[in-house]
C-alpha atoms as a PDB file:
ATOM      1  CA  MET A   1     -60.683  34.924 290.498  1.00  0.00           C
ATOM      2  CA  ALA A   2     -59.102  37.565 289.709  1.00  0.00           C
ATOM      3  CA  GLU A   3     -55.725  38.595 292.147  1.00  0.00           C
ATOM      4  CA  VAL A   4     -54.928  40.875 294.329  1.00  0.00           C
ATOM      5  CA  VAL A   5     -53.150  44.081 293.869  1.00  0.00           C
ATOM      6  CA  ASN A   6     -51.929  46.422 296.470  1.00  0.00           C
ATOM      7  CA  LEU A   7     -52.387  49.836 295.240  1.00  0.00           C
ATOM      8  CA  ARG A   8     -49.702  51.375 297.062  1.00  0.00           C
ATOM      9  CA  THR A   9     -46.548  48.970 295.457  1.00  0.00           C
ATOM     10  CA  ALA A  10     -48.409  48.911 291.883  1.00  0.00           C
ATOM     11  CA  ARG A  11     -47.933  52.548 292.026  1.00  0.00           C
ATOM     12  CA  LYS A  12     -44.652  52.754 293.306  1.00  0.00           C
ATOM     13  CA  GLN A  13     -43.554  50.834 290.393  1.00  0.00           C
ATOM     14  CA  LYS A  14     -45.386  52.752 287.764  1.00  0.00           C
ATOM     15  CA  ALA A  15     -43.467  55.657 289.272  1.00  0.00           C
ATOM     16  CA  ARG A  16     -39.616  53.301 289.318  1.00  0.00           C
ATOM     17  CA  ALA A  17     -40.620  52.349 285.646  1.00  0.00           C
ATOM     18  CA  ALA A  18     -40.969  56.256 284.751  1.00  0.00           C
ATOM     19  CA  ARG A  19     -38.312  57.428 286.799  1.00  0.00           C
ATOM     20  CA  GLU A  20     -36.404  54.545 284.543  1.00  0.00           C
ATOM     21  CA  ALA A  21     -37.174  55.765 281.790  1.00  0.00           C
ATOM     22  CA  GLN A  22     -36.537  59.129 282.146  1.00  0.00           C
ATOM     23  CA  ALA A  23     -32.976  58.135 283.347  1.00  0.00           C
ATOM     24  CA  GLU A  24     -32.532  55.773 279.784  1.00  0.00           C
ATOM     25  CA  GLN A  25     -33.394  58.904 277.921  1.00  0.00           C
ATOM     26  CA  ASN A  26     -31.057  61.577 279.803  1.00  0.00           C
ATOM     27  CA  ARG A  27     -28.297  58.682 279.623  1.00  0.00           C
ATOM     28  CA  THR A  28     -28.981  59.021 275.895  1.00  0.00           C
ATOM     29  CA  LEU A  29     -28.845  62.496 275.259  1.00  0.00           C
ATOM     30  CA  PHE A  30     -26.545  64.161 277.853  1.00  0.00           C
ATOM     31  CA  GLY A  31     -23.810  60.845 278.545  1.00  0.00           C
ATOM     32  CA  ARG A  32     -22.123  61.803 275.425  1.00  0.00           C
ATOM     33  CA  THR A  33     -18.299  62.693 274.666  1.00  0.00           C
ATOM     34  CA  LYS A  34     -17.891  67.026 273.901  1.00  0.00           C
ATOM     35  CA  ALA A  35     -16.951  65.409 270.032  1.00  0.00           C
ATOM     36  CA  GLU A  36     -20.214  63.197 269.594  1.00  0.00           C
ATOM     37  CA  LYS A  37     -22.239  66.660 270.782  1.00  0.00           C
ATOM     38  CA  GLN A  38     -20.513  68.735 268.317  1.00  0.00           C
ATOM     39  CA  GLN A  39     -21.003  65.790 265.459  1.00  0.00           C
ATOM     40  CA  SER A  40     -24.111  65.718 266.025  1.00  0.00           C
ATOM     41  CA  ARG A  41     -25.191  69.581 266.229  1.00  0.00           C
ATOM     42  CA  ALA A  42     -23.111  69.555 262.796  1.00  0.00           C
ATOM     43  CA  GLU A  43     -25.489  66.773 261.171  1.00  0.00           C
ATOM     44  CA  THR A  44     -28.517  68.914 262.407  1.00  0.00           C
ATOM     45  CA  GLU A  45     -27.665  72.668 261.043  1.00  0.00           C
ATOM     46  CA  LEU A  46     -26.192  70.733 257.520  1.00  0.00           C
ATOM     47  CA  ALA A  47     -29.875  69.431 257.732  1.00  0.00           C
ATOM     48  CA  ALA A  48     -31.633  73.148 258.233  1.00  0.00           C
ATOM     49  CA  ARG A  49     -29.278  74.380 255.960  1.00  0.00           C
ATOM     50  CA  ARG A  50     -30.532  71.796 252.832  1.00  0.00           C
ATOM     51  CA  LEU A  51     -34.261  71.847 254.111  1.00  0.00           C
ATOM     52  CA  GLU A  52     -33.813  75.772 253.804  1.00  0.00           C
ATOM     53  CA  SER A  53     -31.847  75.873 250.496  1.00  0.00           C
ATOM     54  CA  HIS A  54     -34.985  73.610 248.855  1.00  0.00           C
ATOM     55  CA  LYS A  55     -37.491  76.124 250.292  1.00  0.00           C
ATOM     56  CA  ARG A  56     -39.447  77.826 247.164  1.00  0.00           C
ATOM     57  CA  GLU A  57     -39.527  81.958 247.002  1.00  0.00           C
ATOM     58  CA  ASP A  58     -43.010  82.800 246.803  1.00  0.00           C
END
């Protein structure tokens, strides 16, 4: 037979897992030094400039 599951507990576990996933994402986004943020921003801008320079003009 199937195991009996307490729905309230399952819902709380699901919410806890979602909060933990969001916290992990926030740690990667906001837990960086100023130099790391500037480096990431510079890389993104460089990629955007390269893409823009390779576009054709019609």
